[in-house]
Amino acid sequence: MTKQELAVTTRCKDGDIAIIINETPLCAGNLGRFVHVRGPYQYIDILGLHGWVIKPVNNQKMWVQLRRDPPKAVFDRVYWNNPRCLPDAWLLPLKRPKHLFPLDDSVTDVRSNDDPSSREQSR
């Protein structure tokens, strides 16, 4: 998939911070946890879905399912070199508030509300 196709078809993107909103039953303790999301977007064999490499924001231990048959999970630290993957559909990315980052999408002319000459032109 190209980067443009990924942007249209996935919730998350490389570099996002997301909340875990779904998990396997063995790892349900991870629900609500904030994680860093990193690419590449890849197929996750154990789940049969596509997703991202993740790591907890706070570097605390999290539940990791090691295999499906027989099911086994461990409570351990996750690092970028010892990755954990979750499906894109199980992650909800946090969005940057537009009122704090107004230049992200477009530049607006702030003077138009306070500039007397702009009021005169609109009369």
C-alpha atoms as a PDB file:
ATOM      1  CA  MET A   1       0.000   0.000   0.000  1.00  0.00           C
ATOM      2  CA  THR A   2       1.176   3.501  -0.743  1.00  0.00           C
ATOM      3  CA  LYS A   3       1.232   6.172   1.984  1.00  0.00           C
ATOM      4  CA  GLN A   4      -1.773   7.874   0.374  1.00  0.00           C
ATOM      5  CA  GLU A   5      -3.790   4.637   0.369  1.00  0.00           C
ATOM      6  CA  LEU A   6      -2.866   4.007   4.021  1.00  0.00           C
ATOM      7  CA  ALA A   7      -3.982   7.503   5.026  1.00  0.00           C
ATOM      8  CA  VAL A   8      -7.396   6.871   3.491  1.00  0.00           C
ATOM      9  CA  THR A   9      -7.935   3.319   4.726  1.00  0.00           C
ATOM     10  CA  THR A  10      -6.437   3.334   8.255  1.00  0.00           C
ATOM     11  CA  ARG A  11      -7.347   5.129  11.451  1.00  0.00           C
ATOM     12  CA  CYS A  12      -3.788   5.501  12.691  1.00  0.00           C
ATOM     13  CA  LYS A  13      -0.583   6.568  11.072  1.00  0.00           C
ATOM     14  CA  ASP A  14       3.073   6.171  11.957  1.00  0.00           C
ATOM     15  CA  GLY A  15       3.887   8.490  14.873  1.00  0.00           C
ATOM     16  CA  ASP A  16       0.378   8.726  16.357  1.00  0.00           C
ATOM     17  CA  ILE A  17      -0.531   8.272  19.989  1.00  0.00           C
ATOM     18  CA  ALA A  18      -3.623   6.092  20.315  1.00  0.00           C
ATOM     19  CA  ILE A  19      -5.883   4.480  22.891  1.00  0.00           C
ATOM     20  CA  ILE A  20      -6.418   0.711  22.850  1.00  0.00           C
ATOM     21  CA  ILE A  21     -10.195   0.215  22.393  1.00  0.00           C
ATOM     22  CA  ASN A  22     -10.294  -3.554  21.721  1.00  0.00           C
ATOM     23  CA  GLU A  23      -8.159  -6.510  22.766  1.00  0.00           C
ATOM     24  CA  THR A  24      -8.041 -10.285  22.897  1.00  0.00           C
ATOM     25  CA  PRO A  25      -9.682 -11.754  26.036  1.00  0.00           C
ATOM     26  CA  LEU A  26      -6.278 -12.651  27.515  1.00  0.00           C
ATOM     27  CA  CYS A  27      -5.053  -9.065  27.124  1.00  0.00           C
ATOM     28  CA  ALA A  28      -8.203  -7.180  28.164  1.00  0.00           C
ATOM     29  CA  GLY A  29      -6.164  -5.433  30.870  1.00  0.00           C
ATOM     30  CA  ASN A  30      -4.682  -3.258  28.107  1.00  0.00           C
ATOM     31  CA  LEU A  31      -8.007  -1.568  27.285  1.00  0.00           C
ATOM     32  CA  GLY A  32      -7.776   2.201  27.675  1.00  0.00           C
ATOM     33  CA  ARG A  33      -3.976   2.251  27.611  1.00  0.00           C
ATOM     34  CA  PHE A  34      -2.200   5.006  25.660  1.00  0.00           C
ATOM     35  CA  VAL A  35       0.353   3.726  23.135  1.00  0.00           C
ATOM     36  CA  HIS A  36       2.802   5.060  20.567  1.00  0.00           C
ATOM     37  CA  VAL A  37       2.054   3.802  17.038  1.00  0.00           C
ATOM     38  CA  ARG A  38       4.854   2.991  14.634  1.00  0.00           C
ATOM     39  CA  GLY A  39       4.986   1.570  11.122  1.00  0.00           C
ATOM     40  CA  PRO A  40       5.299  -0.265   8.955  1.00  0.00           C
ATOM     41  CA  TYR A  41       1.652  -1.279   8.632  1.00  0.00           C
ATOM     42  CA  GLN A  42       1.839  -5.086   8.556  1.00  0.00           C
ATOM     43  CA  TYR A  43      -0.043  -8.372   8.698  1.00  0.00           C
ATOM     44  CA  ILE A  44      -0.403  -9.827  12.223  1.00  0.00           C
ATOM     45  CA  ASP A  45      -0.346 -13.635  11.885  1.00  0.00           C
ATOM     46  CA  ILE A  46      -1.736 -14.474  15.330  1.00  0.00           C
ATOM     47  CA  LEU A  47      -4.846 -12.310  14.737  1.00  0.00           C
ATOM     48  CA  GLY A  48      -5.188 -12.558  10.961  1.00  0.00           C
ATOM     49  CA  LEU A  49      -5.497  -8.760  10.673  1.00  0.00           C
ATOM     50  CA  HIS A  50      -3.337  -5.822   9.566  1.00  0.00           C
ATOM     51  CA  GLY A  51      -1.999  -3.414  12.155  1.00  0.00           C
ATOM     52  CA  TRP A  52       0.790  -1.432  13.718  1.00  0.00           C
ATOM     53  CA  VAL A  53       3.699  -1.908  16.075  1.00  0.00           C
ATOM     54  CA  ILE A  54       2.840  -0.311  19.423  1.00  0.00           C
ATOM     55  CA  LYS A  55       4.576   0.570  22.673  1.00  0.00           C
ATOM     56  CA  PRO A  56       3.009   1.988  25.866  1.00  0.00           C
ATOM     57  CA  VAL A  57       3.482   5.732  26.290  1.00  0.00           C
ATOM     58  CA  ASN A  58       4.420   5.332  29.969  1.00  0.00           C
ATOM     59  CA  ASN A  59       6.810   2.367  29.460  1.00  0.00           C
ATOM     60  CA  GLN A  60       4.871   0.244  31.963  1.00  0.00           C
ATOM     61  CA  LYS A  61       4.267  -3.474  31.491  1.00  0.00           C
ATOM     62  CA  MET A  62       1.345  -4.607  29.361  1.00  0.00           C
ATOM     63  CA  TRP A  63      -0.311  -7.895  28.427  1.00  0.00           C
ATOM     64  CA  VAL A  64       1.131  -9.548  25.327  1.00  0.00           C
ATOM     65  CA  GLN A  65      -0.456 -12.585  23.676  1.00  0.00           C
ATOM     66  CA  LEU A  66       2.308 -14.881  22.461  1.00  0.00           C
ATOM     67  CA  ARG A  67       0.256 -17.429  20.570  1.00  0.00           C
ATOM     68  CA  ARG A  68      -3.300 -18.420  19.794  1.00  0.00           C
ATOM     69  CA  ASP A  69      -3.278 -22.202  20.082  1.00  0.00           C
ATOM     70  CA  PRO A  70      -2.923 -22.872  22.965  1.00  0.00           C
ATOM     71  CA  PRO A  71      -3.567 -19.305  24.090  1.00  0.00           C
ATOM     72  CA  LYS A  72      -0.801 -17.796  26.179  1.00  0.00           C
ATOM     73  CA  ALA A  73      -0.248 -14.237  27.382  1.00  0.00           C
ATOM     74  CA  VAL A  74       2.472 -12.669  29.515  1.00  0.00           C
ATOM     75  CA  PHE A  75       2.629  -9.397  31.444  1.00  0.00           C
ATOM     76  CA  ASP A  76       5.866  -7.807  30.293  1.00  0.00           C
ATOM     77  CA  ARG A  77       7.569  -4.632  29.098  1.00  0.00           C
ATOM     78  CA  VAL A  78       7.297  -3.805  25.399  1.00  0.00           C
ATOM     79  CA  TYR A  79      10.113  -2.072  23.521  1.00  0.00           C
ATOM     80  CA  TRP A  80      10.546  -1.084  19.882  1.00  0.00           C
ATOM     81  CA  ASN A  81      13.104  -3.881  19.452  1.00  0.00           C
ATOM     82  CA  ASN A  82      10.699  -6.374  21.121  1.00  0.00           C
ATOM     83  CA  PRO A  83       7.507  -5.252  19.406  1.00  0.00           C
ATOM     84  CA  ARG A  84       3.843  -5.810  20.069  1.00  0.00           C
ATOM     85  CA  CYS A  85       1.385  -5.385  17.197  1.00  0.00           C
ATOM     86  CA  LEU A  86      -2.300  -4.479  17.328  1.00  0.00           C
ATOM     87  CA  PRO A  87      -4.836  -4.157  14.511  1.00  0.00           C
ATOM     88  CA  ASP A  88      -5.573  -0.653  13.292  1.00  0.00           C
ATOM     89  CA  ALA A  89      -9.290  -1.180  14.070  1.00  0.00           C
ATOM     90  CA  TRP A  90      -8.419  -1.773  17.744  1.00  0.00           C
ATOM     91  CA  LEU A  91      -6.678   1.607  18.106  1.00  0.00           C
ATOM     92  CA  LEU A  92      -8.249   5.063  18.334  1.00  0.00           C
ATOM     93  CA  PRO A  93      -5.733   7.813  17.503  1.00  0.00           C
ATOM     94  CA  LEU A  94      -5.721  10.987  19.548  1.00  0.00           C
ATOM     95  CA  LYS A  95      -6.271  14.075  17.417  1.00  0.00           C
ATOM     96  CA  ARG A  96      -4.463  17.345  17.987  1.00  0.00           C
ATOM     97  CA  PRO A  97      -6.935  20.030  19.101  1.00  0.00           C
ATOM     98  CA  LYS A  98      -7.372  22.489  16.231  1.00  0.00           C
ATOM     99  CA  HIS A  99      -7.732  25.466  18.578  1.00  0.00           C
ATOM    100  CA  LEU A 100      -4.216  24.786  19.914  1.00  0.00           C
ATOM    101  CA  PHE A 101      -2.651  24.083  16.518  1.00  0.00           C
ATOM    102  CA  PRO A 102      -4.533  26.329  14.063  1.00  0.00           C
ATOM    103  CA  LEU A 103      -1.749  26.353  11.478  1.00  0.00           C
ATOM    104  CA  ASP A 104      -1.886  22.597  10.934  1.00  0.00           C
ATOM    105  CA  ASP A 105      -4.771  22.727   8.430  1.00  0.00           C
ATOM    106  CA  SER A 106      -4.870  26.226   7.066  1.00  0.00           C
ATOM    107  CA  VAL A 107      -3.708  29.728   7.796  1.00  0.00           C
ATOM    108  CA  THR A 108      -6.495  32.135   8.630  1.00  0.00           C
ATOM    109  CA  ASP A 109      -6.301  35.904   8.514  1.00  0.00           C
ATOM    110  CA  VAL A 110      -6.672  36.919  12.141  1.00  0.00           C
ATOM    111  CA  ARG A 111      -6.844  40.613  11.217  1.00  0.00           C
ATOM    112  CA  SER A 112     -10.160  40.229   9.400  1.00  0.00           C
ATOM    113  CA  ASN A 113     -12.081  40.332  12.703  1.00  0.00           C
ATOM    114  CA  ASP A 114     -10.191  43.216  14.296  1.00  0.00           C
ATOM    115  CA  ASP A 115      -9.068  45.335  11.361  1.00  0.00           C
ATOM    116  CA  PRO A 116     -11.375  48.358  10.885  1.00  0.00           C
ATOM    117  CA  SER A 117     -10.544  48.533   7.182  1.00  0.00           C
ATOM    118  CA  SER A 118     -11.943  45.030   6.657  1.00  0.00           C
ATOM    119  CA  ARG A 119     -15.241  46.141   8.233  1.00  0.00           C
ATOM    120  CA  GLU A 120     -15.453  49.155   5.951  1.00  0.00           C
ATOM    121  CA  GLN A 121     -14.928  47.006   2.857  1.00  0.00           C
ATOM    122  CA  SER A 122     -17.754  44.667   3.830  1.00  0.00           C
ATOM    123  CA  ARG A 123     -20.259  47.555   4.250  1.00  0.00           C
END
